Amino acid sequence: MKNLTLLLFFVCTAFAAGAQEVSFGAKGGLNIAKVTSTDNSKTRASIHLGAFARIGITEEWSVQPELVYSGQGYKWNPPVLDRMNFAVNYINLPVMLQYHIIPEFHLEAGPQIGFRVAAKAKFTNGDALDIKDETKGVDLGLGFGLGYTFDMGLGVGARYNFGLTNIWDNNRDSGNNSVAQIGVYYIIGKKKF
């Protein structure tokens, strides 16, 4: 895992070295998360907060590596048991390739690796159970989205991330992350490419 993180760092550094322009920013917003293949499950609302570097490659293309805290998981409402809220939270490292149709508007897609930082099952009566041992520590996924940046550096964006790996670390359960995100971001430095 350290090798993958190190490789990601070197790739981003290489892009930055030959980049036209580099700007930094912060982002945050709403997550609507679910885990696929889970019966009687509903979406769980949470947040995402993070920072990014936007590295211009050409007039139209940029790469955006990010470091994002992401609240994920789902709500479970089985017919016989108490309802539960499964909160599985990650530090995600997406690397998005962005195509700027016009300087203000971009489409994006790219891979992400997520490192689980917490996993709890919370019951409606207030009890909570740590389920870190039941979930995998690493999640791989793909994301695609779009964004619009205004002149002052403030922007709005939407993204959908879907997991490529099973989040459960046992032989009885299976499910992948599915997260829709809407949010705002602020770019420091060059605002558009």
N, C-alpha and C. Protein backbone atom coordinates (compact mmCIF):
# COMPACT_ATOMS: atom_id res chain seq x y z
N MET A 1 0.82 -1.19 0.00
CA MET A 1 0.00 0.00 0.00
C MET A 1 0.86 1.26 0.00
N LYS A 2 1.98 1.21 0.77
CA LYS A 2 2.89 2.35 0.78
C LYS A 2 3.46 2.59 -0.61
N ASN A 3 3.72 1.51 -1.35
CA ASN A 3 4.26 1.65 -2.71
C ASN A 3 3.28 2.35 -3.63
N LEU A 4 1.98 2.02 -3.50
CA LEU A 4 0.95 2.65 -4.33
C LEU A 4 0.84 4.14 -4.01
N THR A 5 0.87 4.49 -2.73
CA THR A 5 0.81 5.89 -2.33
C THR A 5 2.04 6.64 -2.82
N LEU A 6 3.19 6.02 -2.71
CA LEU A 6 4.43 6.63 -3.19
C LEU A 6 4.41 6.83 -4.70
N LEU A 7 3.91 5.84 -5.43
CA LEU A 7 3.78 5.95 -6.89
C LEU A 7 2.86 7.11 -7.26
N LEU A 8 1.72 7.21 -6.57
CA LEU A 8 0.78 8.30 -6.81
C LEU A 8 1.45 9.65 -6.59
N PHE A 9 2.23 9.76 -5.52
CA PHE A 9 2.94 11.01 -5.23
C PHE A 9 3.91 11.37 -6.36
N PHE A 10 4.70 10.39 -6.83
CA PHE A 10 5.67 10.66 -7.89
C PHE A 10 5.01 11.01 -9.22
N VAL A 11 3.89 10.37 -9.53
CA VAL A 11 3.17 10.69 -10.76
C VAL A 11 2.67 12.14 -10.70
N CYS A 12 2.09 12.52 -9.56
CA CYS A 12 1.60 13.89 -9.42
C CYS A 12 2.75 14.90 -9.48
N THR A 13 3.88 14.57 -8.88
CA THR A 13 5.04 15.45 -8.92
C THR A 13 5.56 15.61 -10.35
N ALA A 14 5.57 14.51 -11.11
CA ALA A 14 6.01 14.57 -12.50
C ALA A 14 5.10 15.47 -13.33
N PHE A 15 3.78 15.35 -13.11
CA PHE A 15 2.85 16.22 -13.82
C PHE A 15 3.10 17.68 -13.45
N ALA A 16 3.33 17.94 -12.16
CA ALA A 16 3.53 19.31 -11.70
C ALA A 16 4.80 19.91 -12.30
N ALA A 17 5.83 19.10 -12.47
CA ALA A 17 7.10 19.60 -13.01
C ALA A 17 6.95 20.13 -14.43
N GLY A 18 6.12 19.48 -15.24
CA GLY A 18 5.94 19.91 -16.63
C GLY A 18 4.66 20.67 -16.85
N ALA A 19 4.01 21.05 -15.79
CA ALA A 19 2.69 21.67 -15.91
C ALA A 19 2.78 23.12 -16.37
N GLN A 20 1.71 23.54 -17.08
CA GLN A 20 1.58 24.94 -17.47
C GLN A 20 1.33 25.80 -16.24
N GLU A 21 0.45 25.34 -15.38
CA GLU A 21 -0.01 26.15 -14.26
C GLU A 21 -0.49 25.21 -13.15
N VAL A 22 -0.18 25.55 -11.91
CA VAL A 22 -0.65 24.76 -10.77
C VAL A 22 -1.40 25.69 -9.83
N SER A 23 -2.58 25.27 -9.42
CA SER A 23 -3.33 26.01 -8.41
C SER A 23 -3.82 25.02 -7.37
N PHE A 24 -4.13 25.55 -6.20
CA PHE A 24 -4.56 24.72 -5.08
C PHE A 24 -5.95 25.15 -4.65
N GLY A 25 -6.64 24.25 -3.95
CA GLY A 25 -7.97 24.60 -3.51
C GLY A 25 -8.48 23.71 -2.40
N ALA A 26 -9.64 24.08 -1.90
CA ALA A 26 -10.34 23.32 -0.87
C ALA A 26 -11.74 23.03 -1.38
N LYS A 27 -12.32 21.92 -0.90
CA LYS A 27 -13.65 21.53 -1.35
C LYS A 27 -14.43 20.91 -0.21
N GLY A 28 -15.74 20.92 -0.35
CA GLY A 28 -16.60 20.28 0.64
C GLY A 28 -18.01 20.20 0.12
N GLY A 29 -18.78 19.29 0.72
CA GLY A 29 -20.17 19.17 0.30
C GLY A 29 -20.86 17.96 0.87
N LEU A 30 -21.93 17.59 0.20
CA LEU A 30 -22.84 16.53 0.64
C LEU A 30 -22.54 15.22 -0.08
N ASN A 31 -22.51 14.14 0.67
CA ASN A 31 -22.44 12.78 0.12
C ASN A 31 -23.80 12.11 0.28
N ILE A 32 -24.25 11.43 -0.74
CA ILE A 32 -25.40 10.52 -0.65
C ILE A 32 -24.82 9.15 -0.98
N ALA A 33 -24.64 8.32 0.07
CA ALA A 33 -23.89 7.07 -0.07
C ALA A 33 -24.78 5.86 0.13
N LYS A 34 -24.35 4.76 -0.47
CA LYS A 34 -25.02 3.48 -0.33
C LYS A 34 -23.99 2.39 -0.60
N VAL A 35 -24.28 1.19 -0.14
CA VAL A 35 -23.45 0.03 -0.47
C VAL A 35 -24.31 -0.88 -1.33
N THR A 36 -23.82 -1.25 -2.50
CA THR A 36 -24.60 -2.08 -3.42
C THR A 36 -24.75 -3.49 -2.87
N SER A 37 -25.71 -4.23 -3.39
CA SER A 37 -25.95 -5.64 -3.05
C SER A 37 -26.33 -5.84 -1.59
N THR A 38 -26.90 -4.85 -0.94
CA THR A 38 -27.33 -4.98 0.45
C THR A 38 -28.85 -4.85 0.49
N ASP A 39 -29.54 -5.93 0.87
CA ASP A 39 -31.00 -5.91 0.94
C ASP A 39 -31.48 -4.94 2.01
N ASN A 40 -32.64 -4.33 1.77
CA ASN A 40 -33.29 -3.42 2.71
C ASN A 40 -32.41 -2.23 3.09
N SER A 41 -31.53 -1.81 2.19
CA SER A 41 -30.66 -0.68 2.51
C SER A 41 -31.18 0.60 1.86
N LYS A 42 -30.86 1.70 2.52
CA LYS A 42 -31.22 3.02 2.03
C LYS A 42 -29.96 3.89 2.04
N THR A 43 -30.05 5.02 1.37
CA THR A 43 -28.89 5.91 1.31
C THR A 43 -28.63 6.57 2.66
N ARG A 44 -27.37 6.92 2.86
CA ARG A 44 -26.94 7.63 4.06
C ARG A 44 -26.34 8.96 3.63
N ALA A 45 -26.82 10.04 4.22
CA ALA A 45 -26.28 11.37 3.93
C ALA A 45 -25.11 11.65 4.87
N SER A 46 -24.05 12.23 4.32
CA SER A 46 -22.89 12.61 5.11
C SER A 46 -22.15 13.73 4.37
N ILE A 47 -20.91 13.95 4.73
CA ILE A 47 -20.14 15.07 4.15
C ILE A 47 -18.85 14.57 3.51
N HIS A 48 -18.27 15.43 2.70
CA HIS A 48 -16.89 15.26 2.24
C HIS A 48 -16.18 16.61 2.36
N LEU A 49 -14.92 16.57 2.79
CA LEU A 49 -14.09 17.76 2.96
C LEU A 49 -12.68 17.43 2.52
N GLY A 50 -12.06 18.35 1.80
CA GLY A 50 -10.70 18.03 1.37
C GLY A 50 -9.98 19.17 0.70
N ALA A 51 -8.82 18.82 0.14
CA ALA A 51 -7.97 19.77 -0.56
C ALA A 51 -7.51 19.13 -1.87
N PHE A 52 -7.11 19.98 -2.82
CA PHE A 52 -6.68 19.47 -4.12
C PHE A 52 -5.64 20.39 -4.73
N ALA A 53 -4.95 19.86 -5.73
CA ALA A 53 -4.06 20.64 -6.59
C ALA A 53 -4.57 20.45 -8.01
N ARG A 54 -4.78 21.54 -8.73
CA ARG A 54 -5.18 21.45 -10.14
C ARG A 54 -3.95 21.78 -10.98
N ILE A 55 -3.53 20.80 -11.76
CA ILE A 55 -2.29 20.91 -12.52
C ILE A 55 -2.64 20.98 -14.00
N GLY A 56 -2.41 22.15 -14.61
CA GLY A 56 -2.70 22.33 -16.03
C GLY A 56 -1.68 21.61 -16.90
N ILE A 57 -2.17 20.85 -17.86
CA ILE A 57 -1.29 20.14 -18.80
C ILE A 57 -1.27 20.89 -20.13
N THR A 58 -2.46 21.22 -20.63
CA THR A 58 -2.62 22.03 -21.84
C THR A 58 -3.73 23.03 -21.55
N GLU A 59 -4.17 23.75 -22.58
CA GLU A 59 -5.28 24.69 -22.42
C GLU A 59 -6.57 23.97 -22.00
N GLU A 60 -6.76 22.76 -22.51
CA GLU A 60 -8.01 22.04 -22.25
C GLU A 60 -7.91 20.98 -21.16
N TRP A 61 -6.72 20.48 -20.89
CA TRP A 61 -6.57 19.33 -19.99
C TRP A 61 -5.85 19.70 -18.70
N SER A 62 -6.33 19.12 -17.60
CA SER A 62 -5.65 19.26 -16.31
C SER A 62 -5.81 17.95 -15.53
N VAL A 63 -4.95 17.80 -14.54
CA VAL A 63 -5.02 16.66 -13.62
C VAL A 63 -5.24 17.23 -12.23
N GLN A 64 -6.14 16.59 -11.47
CA GLN A 64 -6.44 17.10 -10.14
C GLN A 64 -6.33 15.98 -9.10
N PRO A 65 -5.16 15.84 -8.44
CA PRO A 65 -5.07 14.93 -7.30
C PRO A 65 -5.72 15.57 -6.08
N GLU A 66 -6.36 14.75 -5.26
CA GLU A 66 -7.10 15.26 -4.11
C GLU A 66 -6.80 14.42 -2.87
N LEU A 67 -7.04 15.02 -1.72
CA LEU A 67 -7.03 14.35 -0.42
C LEU A 67 -8.35 14.72 0.24
N VAL A 68 -9.26 13.72 0.41
CA VAL A 68 -10.63 14.02 0.82
C VAL A 68 -11.09 13.08 1.93
N TYR A 69 -11.61 13.66 3.03
CA TYR A 69 -12.33 12.88 4.03
C TYR A 69 -13.74 12.67 3.49
N SER A 70 -14.22 11.42 3.52
CA SER A 70 -15.52 11.11 2.93
C SER A 70 -16.33 10.22 3.85
N GLY A 71 -17.49 10.72 4.30
CA GLY A 71 -18.42 9.92 5.10
C GLY A 71 -19.26 9.07 4.17
N GLN A 72 -19.16 7.75 4.31
CA GLN A 72 -19.86 6.83 3.43
C GLN A 72 -20.63 5.81 4.27
N GLY A 73 -21.16 4.77 3.64
CA GLY A 73 -21.92 3.75 4.34
C GLY A 73 -23.34 3.68 3.82
N TYR A 74 -24.26 3.28 4.70
CA TYR A 74 -25.67 3.16 4.31
C TYR A 74 -26.54 2.99 5.54
N LYS A 75 -27.85 3.12 5.35
CA LYS A 75 -28.83 2.82 6.40
C LYS A 75 -29.45 1.47 6.08
N TRP A 76 -29.67 0.68 7.11
CA TRP A 76 -30.23 -0.66 6.91
C TRP A 76 -31.52 -0.78 7.70
N ASN A 77 -32.58 -1.19 7.04
CA ASN A 77 -33.90 -1.28 7.65
C ASN A 77 -34.47 -2.69 7.43
N PRO A 78 -33.95 -3.70 8.17
CA PRO A 78 -34.44 -5.07 7.97
C PRO A 78 -35.85 -5.23 8.53
N PRO A 79 -36.60 -6.23 8.04
CA PRO A 79 -37.98 -6.39 8.48
C PRO A 79 -38.12 -6.75 9.96
N VAL A 80 -37.15 -7.46 10.56
CA VAL A 80 -37.32 -7.92 11.93
C VAL A 80 -36.43 -7.22 12.95
N LEU A 81 -35.28 -6.78 12.57
CA LEU A 81 -34.32 -6.18 13.51
C LEU A 81 -34.47 -4.67 13.57
N ASP A 82 -33.78 -4.07 14.55
CA ASP A 82 -33.74 -2.61 14.64
C ASP A 82 -33.04 -2.02 13.42
N ARG A 83 -33.44 -0.81 13.08
CA ARG A 83 -32.75 -0.10 12.00
C ARG A 83 -31.34 0.27 12.45
N MET A 84 -30.42 0.28 11.48
CA MET A 84 -29.03 0.61 11.78
C MET A 84 -28.49 1.59 10.74
N ASN A 85 -27.55 2.38 11.19
CA ASN A 85 -26.84 3.30 10.32
C ASN A 85 -25.39 2.83 10.27
N PHE A 86 -24.95 2.34 9.12
CA PHE A 86 -23.57 1.89 8.95
C PHE A 86 -22.74 3.07 8.44
N ALA A 87 -21.88 3.59 9.30
CA ALA A 87 -21.01 4.71 8.94
C ALA A 87 -19.61 4.17 8.69
N VAL A 88 -19.20 4.16 7.42
CA VAL A 88 -17.86 3.71 7.04
C VAL A 88 -17.18 4.92 6.39
N ASN A 89 -16.20 5.47 7.09
CA ASN A 89 -15.58 6.72 6.66
C ASN A 89 -14.17 6.48 6.14
N TYR A 90 -13.79 7.25 5.13
CA TYR A 90 -12.54 7.04 4.41
C TYR A 90 -11.76 8.33 4.25
N ILE A 91 -10.45 8.18 4.08
CA ILE A 91 -9.61 9.22 3.49
C ILE A 91 -9.38 8.75 2.06
N ASN A 92 -9.96 9.46 1.10
CA ASN A 92 -9.86 9.09 -0.31
C ASN A 92 -8.80 9.93 -1.02
N LEU A 93 -8.12 9.28 -1.96
CA LEU A 93 -7.11 9.93 -2.79
C LEU A 93 -7.48 9.75 -4.26
N PRO A 94 -8.43 10.55 -4.77
CA PRO A 94 -8.74 10.47 -6.20
C PRO A 94 -7.73 11.26 -7.03
N VAL A 95 -7.54 10.84 -8.27
CA VAL A 95 -6.74 11.59 -9.24
C VAL A 95 -7.62 11.72 -10.48
N MET A 96 -8.15 12.92 -10.69
CA MET A 96 -9.12 13.15 -11.75
C MET A 96 -8.44 13.82 -12.96
N LEU A 97 -8.68 13.25 -14.13
CA LEU A 97 -8.28 13.88 -15.38
C LEU A 97 -9.45 14.76 -15.82
N GLN A 98 -9.18 16.04 -16.03
CA GLN A 98 -10.25 16.99 -16.35
C GLN A 98 -10.09 17.53 -17.77
N TYR A 99 -11.23 17.60 -18.47
CA TYR A 99 -11.27 18.20 -19.79
C TYR A 99 -12.12 19.47 -19.69
N HIS A 100 -11.52 20.61 -19.99
CA HIS A 100 -12.19 21.91 -19.88
C HIS A 100 -12.82 22.24 -21.24
N ILE A 101 -14.13 22.06 -21.33
CA ILE A 101 -14.86 22.34 -22.57
C ILE A 101 -14.76 23.82 -22.90
N ILE A 102 -14.97 24.63 -21.89
CA ILE A 102 -14.69 26.06 -21.92
C ILE A 102 -13.88 26.31 -20.65
N PRO A 103 -13.20 27.45 -20.51
CA PRO A 103 -12.36 27.63 -19.32
C PRO A 103 -13.11 27.44 -17.99
N GLU A 104 -14.38 27.78 -17.96
CA GLU A 104 -15.13 27.68 -16.70
C GLU A 104 -15.67 26.28 -16.42
N PHE A 105 -15.94 25.49 -17.43
CA PHE A 105 -16.67 24.22 -17.27
C PHE A 105 -15.78 23.03 -17.63
N HIS A 106 -15.77 22.03 -16.75
CA HIS A 106 -14.96 20.83 -17.02
C HIS A 106 -15.74 19.55 -16.74
N LEU A 107 -15.34 18.50 -17.45
CA LEU A 107 -15.76 17.13 -17.18
C LEU A 107 -14.55 16.42 -16.60
N GLU A 108 -14.78 15.41 -15.75
CA GLU A 108 -13.66 14.74 -15.11
C GLU A 108 -13.93 13.26 -14.90
N ALA A 109 -12.86 12.49 -14.87
CA ALA A 109 -12.95 11.06 -14.58
C ALA A 109 -11.59 10.60 -14.07
N GLY A 110 -11.62 9.57 -13.22
CA GLY A 110 -10.35 9.04 -12.74
C GLY A 110 -10.50 8.04 -11.62
N PRO A 111 -9.40 7.40 -11.26
CA PRO A 111 -9.41 6.39 -10.20
C PRO A 111 -9.27 7.03 -8.82
N GLN A 112 -9.62 6.25 -7.80
CA GLN A 112 -9.36 6.69 -6.44
C GLN A 112 -9.05 5.48 -5.57
N ILE A 113 -8.24 5.73 -4.57
CA ILE A 113 -7.98 4.73 -3.54
C ILE A 113 -8.44 5.35 -2.23
N GLY A 114 -9.13 4.56 -1.42
CA GLY A 114 -9.64 5.04 -0.15
C GLY A 114 -9.10 4.20 1.00
N PHE A 115 -8.75 4.88 2.09
CA PHE A 115 -8.28 4.20 3.28
C PHE A 115 -9.31 4.40 4.39
N ARG A 116 -9.88 3.29 4.86
CA ARG A 116 -10.92 3.37 5.89
C ARG A 116 -10.31 3.91 7.18
N VAL A 117 -10.98 4.90 7.78
CA VAL A 117 -10.51 5.47 9.04
C VAL A 117 -11.45 5.14 10.20
N ALA A 118 -12.70 4.80 9.90
CA ALA A 118 -13.66 4.44 10.95
C ALA A 118 -14.78 3.63 10.33
N ALA A 119 -15.34 2.73 11.13
CA ALA A 119 -16.49 1.93 10.68
C ALA A 119 -17.32 1.57 11.90
N LYS A 120 -18.55 2.07 11.95
CA LYS A 120 -19.43 1.81 13.09
C LYS A 120 -20.83 1.49 12.60
N ALA A 121 -21.49 0.60 13.35
CA ALA A 121 -22.92 0.33 13.15
C ALA A 121 -23.63 1.00 14.31
N LYS A 122 -24.49 1.97 14.00
CA LYS A 122 -25.21 2.71 15.04
C LYS A 122 -26.67 2.30 15.01
N PHE A 123 -27.18 1.88 16.17
CA PHE A 123 -28.57 1.43 16.29
C PHE A 123 -29.47 2.60 16.66
N THR A 124 -30.77 2.45 16.41
CA THR A 124 -31.72 3.54 16.70
C THR A 124 -31.82 3.82 18.20
N ASN A 125 -31.50 2.85 19.06
CA ASN A 125 -31.57 3.08 20.51
C ASN A 125 -30.33 3.81 21.03
N GLY A 126 -29.39 4.15 20.16
CA GLY A 126 -28.21 4.90 20.56
C GLY A 126 -26.96 4.06 20.72
N ASP A 127 -27.10 2.74 20.77
CA ASP A 127 -25.92 1.87 20.88
C ASP A 127 -25.12 1.91 19.59
N ALA A 128 -23.82 1.69 19.72
CA ALA A 128 -22.94 1.65 18.55
C ALA A 128 -21.98 0.47 18.68
N LEU A 129 -21.62 -0.08 17.56
CA LEU A 129 -20.73 -1.23 17.50
C LEU A 129 -19.62 -0.93 16.50
N ASP A 130 -18.37 -1.08 16.92
CA ASP A 130 -17.25 -0.88 16.01
C ASP A 130 -17.16 -2.07 15.06
N ILE A 131 -17.20 -1.81 13.75
CA ILE A 131 -17.16 -2.89 12.76
C ILE A 131 -15.92 -2.79 11.86
N LYS A 132 -14.87 -2.15 12.36
CA LYS A 132 -13.64 -2.02 11.55
C LYS A 132 -13.10 -3.38 11.13
N ASP A 133 -13.18 -4.36 12.03
CA ASP A 133 -12.66 -5.69 11.70
C ASP A 133 -13.49 -6.40 10.64
N GLU A 134 -14.71 -5.94 10.42
CA GLU A 134 -15.60 -6.55 9.42
C GLU A 134 -15.44 -5.91 8.03
N THR A 135 -14.73 -4.78 7.97
CA THR A 135 -14.59 -4.06 6.70
C THR A 135 -13.13 -4.02 6.27
N LYS A 136 -12.92 -3.95 4.97
CA LYS A 136 -11.56 -3.89 4.43
C LYS A 136 -10.97 -2.50 4.65
N GLY A 137 -9.67 -2.45 4.84
CA GLY A 137 -8.99 -1.19 5.10
C GLY A 137 -8.77 -0.33 3.88
N VAL A 138 -8.87 -0.93 2.67
CA VAL A 138 -8.61 -0.20 1.43
C VAL A 138 -9.77 -0.41 0.47
N ASP A 139 -10.16 0.65 -0.19
CA ASP A 139 -11.24 0.59 -1.19
C ASP A 139 -10.74 1.22 -2.48
N LEU A 140 -10.93 0.53 -3.59
CA LEU A 140 -10.56 1.07 -4.90
C LEU A 140 -11.83 1.44 -5.65
N GLY A 141 -11.78 2.54 -6.39
CA GLY A 141 -12.97 2.96 -7.12
C GLY A 141 -12.65 3.83 -8.31
N LEU A 142 -13.71 4.20 -9.02
CA LEU A 142 -13.63 5.12 -10.16
C LEU A 142 -14.66 6.21 -9.94
N GLY A 143 -14.33 7.40 -10.43
CA GLY A 143 -15.26 8.50 -10.30
C GLY A 143 -15.37 9.26 -11.61
N PHE A 144 -16.52 9.89 -11.79
CA PHE A 144 -16.69 10.81 -12.92
C PHE A 144 -17.61 11.93 -12.48
N GLY A 145 -17.39 13.12 -13.07
CA GLY A 145 -18.19 14.26 -12.64
C GLY A 145 -18.01 15.45 -13.55
N LEU A 146 -18.42 16.60 -13.02
CA LEU A 146 -18.34 17.86 -13.75
C LEU A 146 -18.24 18.99 -12.75
N GLY A 147 -17.80 20.15 -13.25
CA GLY A 147 -17.68 21.30 -12.38
C GLY A 147 -17.73 22.60 -13.17
N TYR A 148 -18.11 23.65 -12.47
CA TYR A 148 -18.15 24.99 -13.07
C TYR A 148 -17.47 25.95 -12.11
N THR A 149 -16.48 26.71 -12.60
CA THR A 149 -15.72 27.65 -11.79
C THR A 149 -16.09 29.08 -12.20
N PHE A 150 -16.49 29.88 -11.22
CA PHE A 150 -16.80 31.29 -11.45
C PHE A 150 -15.51 32.11 -11.40
N ASP A 151 -15.58 33.37 -11.87
CA ASP A 151 -14.40 34.23 -11.99
C ASP A 151 -13.63 34.38 -10.68
N MET A 152 -14.30 34.44 -9.55
CA MET A 152 -13.62 34.68 -8.28
C MET A 152 -12.99 33.44 -7.67
N GLY A 153 -13.05 32.29 -8.37
CA GLY A 153 -12.43 31.07 -7.89
C GLY A 153 -13.37 30.11 -7.19
N LEU A 154 -14.58 30.57 -6.90
CA LEU A 154 -15.58 29.69 -6.28
C LEU A 154 -16.19 28.82 -7.36
N GLY A 155 -16.40 27.55 -7.05
CA GLY A 155 -16.97 26.64 -8.04
C GLY A 155 -17.97 25.69 -7.43
N VAL A 156 -18.75 25.06 -8.29
CA VAL A 156 -19.70 24.03 -7.89
C VAL A 156 -19.39 22.77 -8.69
N GLY A 157 -19.60 21.63 -8.07
CA GLY A 157 -19.29 20.39 -8.76
C GLY A 157 -20.18 19.25 -8.31
N ALA A 158 -20.23 18.23 -9.14
CA ALA A 158 -20.96 17.01 -8.84
C ALA A 158 -20.11 15.84 -9.32
N ARG A 159 -20.14 14.76 -8.55
CA ARG A 159 -19.34 13.58 -8.90
C ARG A 159 -20.05 12.33 -8.43
N TYR A 160 -19.86 11.25 -9.18
CA TYR A 160 -20.32 9.93 -8.75
C TYR A 160 -19.11 9.01 -8.66
N ASN A 161 -18.94 8.39 -7.50
CA ASN A 161 -17.85 7.44 -7.26
C ASN A 161 -18.45 6.06 -7.06
N PHE A 162 -17.92 5.08 -7.76
CA PHE A 162 -18.39 3.71 -7.52
C PHE A 162 -17.20 2.82 -7.20
N GLY A 163 -17.40 2.00 -6.17
CA GLY A 163 -16.34 1.12 -5.71
C GLY A 163 -16.15 -0.07 -6.62
N LEU A 164 -14.92 -0.48 -6.77
CA LEU A 164 -14.58 -1.65 -7.58
C LEU A 164 -14.31 -2.87 -6.71
N THR A 165 -14.20 -2.66 -5.39
CA THR A 165 -13.87 -3.76 -4.48
C THR A 165 -14.94 -3.92 -3.42
N ASN A 166 -15.09 -5.13 -2.93
CA ASN A 166 -16.00 -5.44 -1.84
C ASN A 166 -15.51 -4.75 -0.57
N ILE A 167 -16.38 -4.04 0.14
CA ILE A 167 -15.95 -3.35 1.36
C ILE A 167 -15.87 -4.29 2.56
N TRP A 168 -16.54 -5.44 2.49
CA TRP A 168 -16.61 -6.36 3.63
C TRP A 168 -15.41 -7.30 3.64
N ASP A 169 -14.91 -7.56 4.84
CA ASP A 169 -13.76 -8.44 5.02
C ASP A 169 -14.20 -9.73 5.72
N ASN A 170 -15.24 -10.36 5.16
CA ASN A 170 -15.71 -11.64 5.68
C ASN A 170 -16.23 -12.46 4.51
N ASN A 171 -16.64 -13.67 4.77
CA ASN A 171 -17.09 -14.56 3.70
C ASN A 171 -18.59 -14.54 3.47
N ARG A 172 -19.34 -13.81 4.29
CA ARG A 172 -20.80 -13.86 4.17
C ARG A 172 -21.43 -12.63 3.51
N ASP A 173 -20.73 -11.50 3.49
CA ASP A 173 -21.31 -10.27 2.95
C ASP A 173 -20.54 -9.81 1.72
N SER A 174 -21.24 -9.08 0.85
CA SER A 174 -20.56 -8.46 -0.27
C SER A 174 -21.28 -7.18 -0.62
N GLY A 175 -20.54 -6.19 -1.04
CA GLY A 175 -21.12 -4.91 -1.43
C GLY A 175 -20.02 -3.91 -1.76
N ASN A 176 -20.33 -3.03 -2.68
CA ASN A 176 -19.38 -2.00 -3.12
C ASN A 176 -19.93 -0.62 -2.79
N ASN A 177 -19.03 0.32 -2.53
CA ASN A 177 -19.44 1.69 -2.28
C ASN A 177 -20.07 2.31 -3.52
N SER A 178 -21.05 3.16 -3.29
CA SER A 178 -21.71 3.93 -4.34
C SER A 178 -22.02 5.30 -3.73
N VAL A 179 -21.34 6.34 -4.21
CA VAL A 179 -21.44 7.65 -3.57
C VAL A 179 -21.67 8.75 -4.60
N ALA A 180 -22.76 9.48 -4.44
CA ALA A 180 -23.02 10.68 -5.24
C ALA A 180 -22.62 11.89 -4.39
N GLN A 181 -21.89 12.82 -4.99
CA GLN A 181 -21.41 14.00 -4.26
C GLN A 181 -21.82 15.27 -4.99
N ILE A 182 -22.27 16.24 -4.21
CA ILE A 182 -22.45 17.60 -4.73
C ILE A 182 -21.75 18.52 -3.75
N GLY A 183 -21.12 19.56 -4.27
CA GLY A 183 -20.39 20.42 -3.36
C GLY A 183 -19.89 21.68 -4.00
N VAL A 184 -19.13 22.41 -3.20
CA VAL A 184 -18.51 23.65 -3.64
C VAL A 184 -17.01 23.53 -3.45
N TYR A 185 -16.26 24.34 -4.19
CA TYR A 185 -14.82 24.37 -4.03
C TYR A 185 -14.34 25.79 -4.23
N TYR A 186 -13.14 26.06 -3.73
CA TYR A 186 -12.52 27.36 -3.92
C TYR A 186 -11.09 27.15 -4.39
N ILE A 187 -10.72 27.80 -5.48
CA ILE A 187 -9.38 27.68 -6.06
C ILE A 187 -8.55 28.91 -5.69
N ILE A 188 -7.35 28.65 -5.17
CA ILE A 188 -6.39 29.71 -4.86
C ILE A 188 -5.37 29.72 -6.00
N GLY A 189 -5.10 30.86 -6.56
CA GLY A 189 -4.18 30.92 -7.71
C GLY A 189 -4.98 31.09 -8.98
N LYS A 190 -4.46 30.54 -10.07
CA LYS A 190 -5.15 30.68 -11.36
C LYS A 190 -6.51 30.02 -11.27
N LYS A 191 -7.55 30.72 -11.67
CA LYS A 191 -8.92 30.25 -11.50
C LYS A 191 -9.38 29.35 -12.63
N LYS A 192 -8.90 29.58 -13.83
CA LYS A 192 -9.37 28.82 -15.00
C LYS A 192 -8.19 28.46 -15.87
N PHE A 193 -8.36 27.46 -16.72
CA PHE A 193 -7.32 27.05 -17.67
C PHE A 193 -7.76 27.37 -19.07
